[in-house]
Protein backbone atom coordinates (compact mmCIF):
# COMPACT_ATOMS: atom_id res chain seq x y z
CA UNK A 1 38.56 -5.90 25.58
CA UNK A 2 35.69 -8.04 24.31
CA UNK A 3 36.07 -11.77 25.01
CA UNK A 4 36.59 -14.14 22.11
CA UNK A 5 33.50 -15.91 20.82
CA UNK A 6 33.01 -19.45 22.08
CA UNK A 7 33.91 -21.98 19.38
CA UNK A 8 31.96 -25.22 18.95
CA UNK A 9 32.52 -28.25 16.75
CA UNK A 10 29.71 -29.93 14.85
CA UNK A 11 29.14 -32.29 11.94
CA UNK A 12 27.34 -31.33 8.72
CA UNK A 13 26.68 -34.17 6.28
CA UNK A 14 29.40 -36.21 7.95
CA UNK A 15 31.95 -33.41 7.76
CA UNK A 16 33.50 -31.95 10.93
CA UNK A 17 33.35 -28.14 11.02
CA UNK A 18 33.90 -25.46 13.66
CA UNK A 19 31.88 -22.32 14.26
CA UNK A 20 31.14 -19.55 16.70
CA UNK A 21 28.43 -20.48 19.18
CA UNK A 22 26.19 -17.67 17.99
CA UNK A 23 26.29 -18.75 14.32
CA UNK A 24 23.37 -20.42 12.58
CA UNK A 25 23.63 -23.72 10.76
CA UNK A 26 22.97 -21.94 7.45
CA UNK A 27 25.84 -19.50 8.04
CA UNK A 28 28.25 -22.28 8.92
CA UNK A 29 27.17 -24.40 5.95
CA UNK A 30 27.69 -21.53 3.51
CA UNK A 31 31.12 -20.71 5.01
CA UNK A 32 32.14 -24.31 4.35
CA UNK A 33 30.73 -24.52 0.83
CA UNK A 34 27.73 -26.68 1.76
CA UNK A 35 24.62 -25.76 -0.21
CA UNK A 36 21.30 -25.43 1.60
CA UNK A 37 18.33 -24.03 -0.40
CA UNK A 38 16.91 -20.72 0.83
CA UNK A 39 14.47 -18.13 -0.40
CA UNK A 40 13.43 -15.75 2.39
CA UNK A 41 16.96 -15.55 3.79
CA UNK A 42 19.47 -13.04 2.42
CA UNK A 43 22.76 -11.74 3.82
CA UNK A 44 22.35 -8.51 5.74
CA UNK A 45 18.72 -9.02 6.85
CA UNK A 46 17.30 -10.61 9.99
CA UNK A 47 16.46 -14.30 9.38
CA UNK A 48 12.78 -15.16 9.85
CA UNK A 49 12.47 -18.80 8.76
CA UNK A 50 9.46 -18.02 6.57
CA UNK A 51 9.99 -20.09 3.42
CA UNK A 52 11.08 -23.35 5.15
CA UNK A 53 13.21 -24.35 2.16
CA UNK A 54 16.34 -24.49 4.34
CA UNK A 55 14.92 -27.31 6.49
CA UNK A 56 17.54 -29.65 7.95
CA UNK A 57 17.62 -32.79 10.06
CA UNK A 58 19.35 -32.73 13.45
CA UNK A 59 20.27 -36.03 15.05
CA UNK A 60 18.15 -36.72 18.11
CA UNK A 61 15.27 -34.49 17.01
CA UNK A 62 12.21 -35.86 15.14
CA UNK A 63 11.42 -32.40 13.75
CA UNK A 64 12.81 -30.67 10.71
CA UNK A 65 14.38 -27.32 11.60
CA UNK A 66 15.01 -24.22 9.42
CA UNK A 67 18.78 -23.82 9.18
CA UNK A 68 18.59 -20.02 8.98
CA UNK A 69 17.43 -19.70 12.60
CA UNK A 70 18.94 -22.86 14.14
CA UNK A 71 21.93 -21.99 16.32
CA UNK A 72 24.86 -24.39 16.32
CA UNK A 73 25.68 -26.39 19.45
CA UNK A 74 28.64 -28.50 20.49
CA UNK A 75 28.47 -31.99 18.99
CA UNK A 76 25.45 -31.22 16.78
CA UNK A 77 25.04 -33.64 13.88
CA UNK A 78 23.28 -32.04 10.91
CA UNK A 79 21.97 -33.58 7.70
CA UNK A 80 21.21 -31.21 4.82
CA UNK A 81 20.53 -33.78 2.10
CA UNK A 82 18.18 -36.74 2.38
CA UNK A 83 15.14 -38.22 0.65
CA UNK A 84 12.94 -36.78 3.38
CA UNK A 85 14.33 -33.26 2.96
CA UNK A 86 14.12 -33.45 -0.84
CA UNK A 87 10.47 -34.47 -0.56
CA UNK A 88 9.58 -31.62 1.81
CA UNK A 89 11.44 -29.00 -0.21
CA UNK A 90 9.81 -30.10 -3.44
CA UNK A 91 6.33 -29.92 -1.89
CA UNK A 92 7.06 -26.42 -0.58
CA UNK A 93 8.24 -25.27 -4.01
CA UNK A 94 5.25 -26.82 -5.76
CA UNK A 95 2.85 -25.03 -3.42
CA UNK A 96 4.64 -21.72 -4.05
CA UNK A 97 4.35 -22.20 -7.81
CA UNK A 98 0.69 -23.27 -7.55
CA UNK A 99 -0.51 -20.51 -5.23
CA UNK A 100 0.12 -17.61 -7.62
CA UNK A 101 1.22 -16.95 -11.19
CA UNK A 102 4.79 -18.09 -11.79
CA UNK A 103 4.71 -18.84 -15.50
CA UNK A 104 8.37 -18.15 -16.17
CA UNK A 105 8.07 -17.49 -19.91
CA UNK A 106 6.13 -14.27 -19.34
CA UNK A 107 7.98 -13.08 -16.23
CA UNK A 108 10.38 -10.12 -16.30
CA UNK A 109 12.78 -12.03 -14.03
CA UNK A 110 12.96 -15.15 -16.20
CA UNK A 111 16.56 -16.32 -15.99
CA UNK A 112 17.23 -14.17 -12.91
CA UNK A 113 14.59 -15.64 -10.58
CA UNK A 114 15.63 -17.39 -7.38
CA UNK A 115 12.40 -19.39 -7.23
CA UNK A 116 13.04 -20.64 -10.75
CA UNK A 117 16.68 -21.45 -9.90
CA UNK A 118 15.68 -23.44 -6.81
CA UNK A 119 13.20 -25.48 -8.83
CA UNK A 120 16.00 -26.35 -11.25
CA UNK A 121 18.44 -27.20 -8.43
CA UNK A 122 15.93 -29.48 -6.69
CA UNK A 123 14.86 -31.09 -9.97
CA UNK A 124 11.24 -30.01 -9.90
CA UNK A 125 9.88 -30.62 -13.41
CA UNK A 126 6.15 -30.22 -12.79
CA UNK A 127 3.59 -29.28 -10.14
CA UNK A 128 1.45 -32.06 -8.68
CA UNK A 129 -1.06 -29.88 -6.83
CA UNK A 130 -3.91 -27.88 -8.42
CA UNK A 131 -3.12 -24.31 -9.47
CA UNK A 132 -5.20 -21.67 -7.72
CA UNK A 133 -5.02 -19.13 -10.57
CA UNK A 134 -5.47 -16.22 -8.20
CA UNK A 135 -5.57 -12.72 -9.68
CA UNK A 136 -4.40 -10.39 -6.98
CA UNK A 137 -3.55 -7.35 -9.06
CA UNK A 138 -0.65 -5.18 -10.16
CA UNK A 139 0.23 -1.77 -8.73
CA UNK A 140 1.97 0.43 -11.31
CA UNK A 141 1.20 3.73 -9.59
CA UNK A 142 4.85 4.39 -8.66
CA UNK A 143 6.90 6.51 -11.08
CA UNK A 144 9.79 4.02 -11.22
CA UNK A 145 8.63 0.64 -9.92
CA UNK A 146 5.90 -1.97 -10.26
CA UNK A 147 4.60 -4.52 -7.76
CA UNK A 148 2.95 -7.62 -9.22
CA UNK A 149 1.28 -9.44 -6.35
CA UNK A 150 0.68 -12.44 -8.61
CA UNK A 151 4.41 -13.24 -8.40
CA UNK A 152 4.93 -12.51 -4.70
CA UNK A 153 6.01 -15.45 -2.50
CA UNK A 154 5.67 -13.49 0.78
CA UNK A 155 9.35 -13.88 1.65
CA UNK A 156 9.18 -10.45 3.41
CA UNK A 157 12.60 -9.42 2.08
CA UNK A 158 11.10 -6.11 0.93
CA UNK A 159 9.54 -5.55 4.36
CA UNK A 160 12.80 -6.22 6.20
CA UNK A 161 15.12 -4.27 3.91
CA UNK A 162 12.83 -1.24 4.01
CA UNK A 163 12.68 -1.39 7.81
CA UNK A 164 16.18 -2.56 8.79
CA UNK A 165 18.34 -0.93 6.11
CA UNK A 166 16.41 2.05 4.73
CA UNK A 167 14.50 2.78 7.97
CA UNK A 168 11.32 3.81 6.14
CA UNK A 169 9.13 0.76 6.90
CA UNK A 170 6.98 1.48 3.85
CA UNK A 171 6.24 -2.22 3.36
CA UNK A 172 4.32 -4.56 5.65
CA UNK A 173 2.07 -7.62 5.55
CA UNK A 174 -1.72 -7.67 5.48
CA UNK A 175 -4.06 -10.64 5.97
CA UNK A 176 -3.62 -14.31 6.71
CA UNK A 177 -3.08 -17.46 4.69
CA UNK A 178 -3.89 -17.16 0.99
CA UNK A 179 -5.24 -13.67 1.64
CA UNK A 180 -1.83 -12.37 2.74
CA UNK A 181 -0.38 -9.47 0.78
CA UNK A 182 2.60 -7.15 1.04
CA UNK A 183 1.27 -3.60 1.25
CA UNK A 184 2.64 -0.07 1.28
CA UNK A 185 1.79 2.12 4.28
CA UNK A 186 -1.88 1.65 5.21
CA UNK A 187 -2.68 -0.36 2.06
CA UNK A 188 -2.58 2.62 -0.26
CA UNK A 189 -1.16 2.61 -3.82
CA UNK A 190 2.64 2.57 -3.88
CA UNK A 191 2.74 5.80 -5.86
CA UNK A 192 0.81 7.59 -3.10
CA UNK A 193 3.13 6.48 -0.30
CA UNK A 194 4.35 9.25 2.02
CA UNK A 195 7.19 7.11 3.39
CA UNK A 196 8.74 5.55 0.26
CA UNK A 197 12.16 7.04 -0.53
CA UNK A 198 12.26 5.44 -4.02
CA UNK A 199 15.65 3.94 -3.13
CA UNK A 200 14.92 0.66 -4.92
CA UNK A 201 16.32 -1.60 -2.19
CA UNK A 202 13.08 -3.57 -2.03
CA UNK A 203 13.24 -4.20 -5.78
CA UNK A 204 16.86 -5.30 -5.54
CA UNK A 205 16.18 -7.98 -2.91
CA UNK A 206 12.98 -9.41 -4.43
CA UNK A 207 13.72 -13.06 -5.37
CA UNK A 208 10.99 -13.23 -8.03
CA UNK A 209 9.49 -10.72 -10.47
CA UNK A 210 7.04 -9.35 -7.92
CA UNK A 211 8.95 -6.07 -7.62
CA UNK A 212 10.52 -4.72 -10.79
CA UNK A 213 11.71 -1.54 -12.46
CA UNK A 214 9.49 -0.04 -15.12
CA UNK A 215 10.76 -0.48 -18.66
CA UNK A 216 13.63 -2.83 -17.78
CA UNK A 217 14.38 -5.97 -19.78
CA UNK A 218 15.05 -9.45 -18.43
CA UNK A 219 18.82 -9.03 -18.62
CA UNK A 220 18.61 -5.85 -16.55
CA UNK A 221 16.74 -7.55 -13.70
CA UNK A 222 19.83 -9.30 -12.28
CA UNK A 223 20.40 -8.48 -8.61
CA UNK A 224 23.36 -6.95 -6.79
CA UNK A 225 23.44 -9.51 -3.99
CA UNK A 226 26.44 -8.10 -2.11
CA UNK A 227 25.11 -4.61 -1.42
CA UNK A 228 23.17 -5.57 1.73
CA UNK A 229 26.10 -6.96 3.76
CA UNK A 230 28.02 -3.80 2.82
CA UNK A 231 25.21 -1.50 3.96
CA UNK A 232 24.79 -3.49 7.17
CA UNK A 233 28.53 -3.20 7.91
CA UNK A 234 28.52 0.55 7.27
CA UNK A 235 25.51 1.00 9.55
CA UNK A 236 27.17 -1.04 12.32
CA UNK A 237 30.42 0.93 12.13
CA UNK A 238 28.53 4.22 12.39
């Protein structure tokens, strides 16, 4: 018989909560109805701490830590809301909006975009850094889907779902810094991919309008957010 998980007690925003020792702060916060912004993280995929929007303060540490990869410990005191955190999160969001084209009025995911929703939640009304106005292209070579690199925030959800859930590993990352791109196979057009199963999982987890279905309206771009935990559970049971 497997031994019971070790339970620890910690404090989040002054509230005492309990959790399994192998849980992350983000998991515990969500289980207790405490909101922490996130963009790269999604239930059912391995956390990578890429977007840094889930930064938290931990008493005794001068550094800000991403909640999605921070494991809970006994007696931990966590702060998820402060002027410092609000300032960092806003700067991160502003840089994401400024790096590529996120003009919501012309985006297929307007009204169903997680980046847009986070900006509203945090109260970001304008961008204080210069826009880069990069034009990094659109790949419409696939029969069913489109990838618009101008709207990609490099969250790597598509990379992880294609690898961890579908097992195809069609998607990957190329380049560094502002030259980074998500690519299919060896940087060939999506429609020429030999590994893509056309399952649409990558489109379903994209938080912005970077991956979309051809010919679909804004209202049809809403996501089915619960399908990944289900698929992960089915895979584990098998």
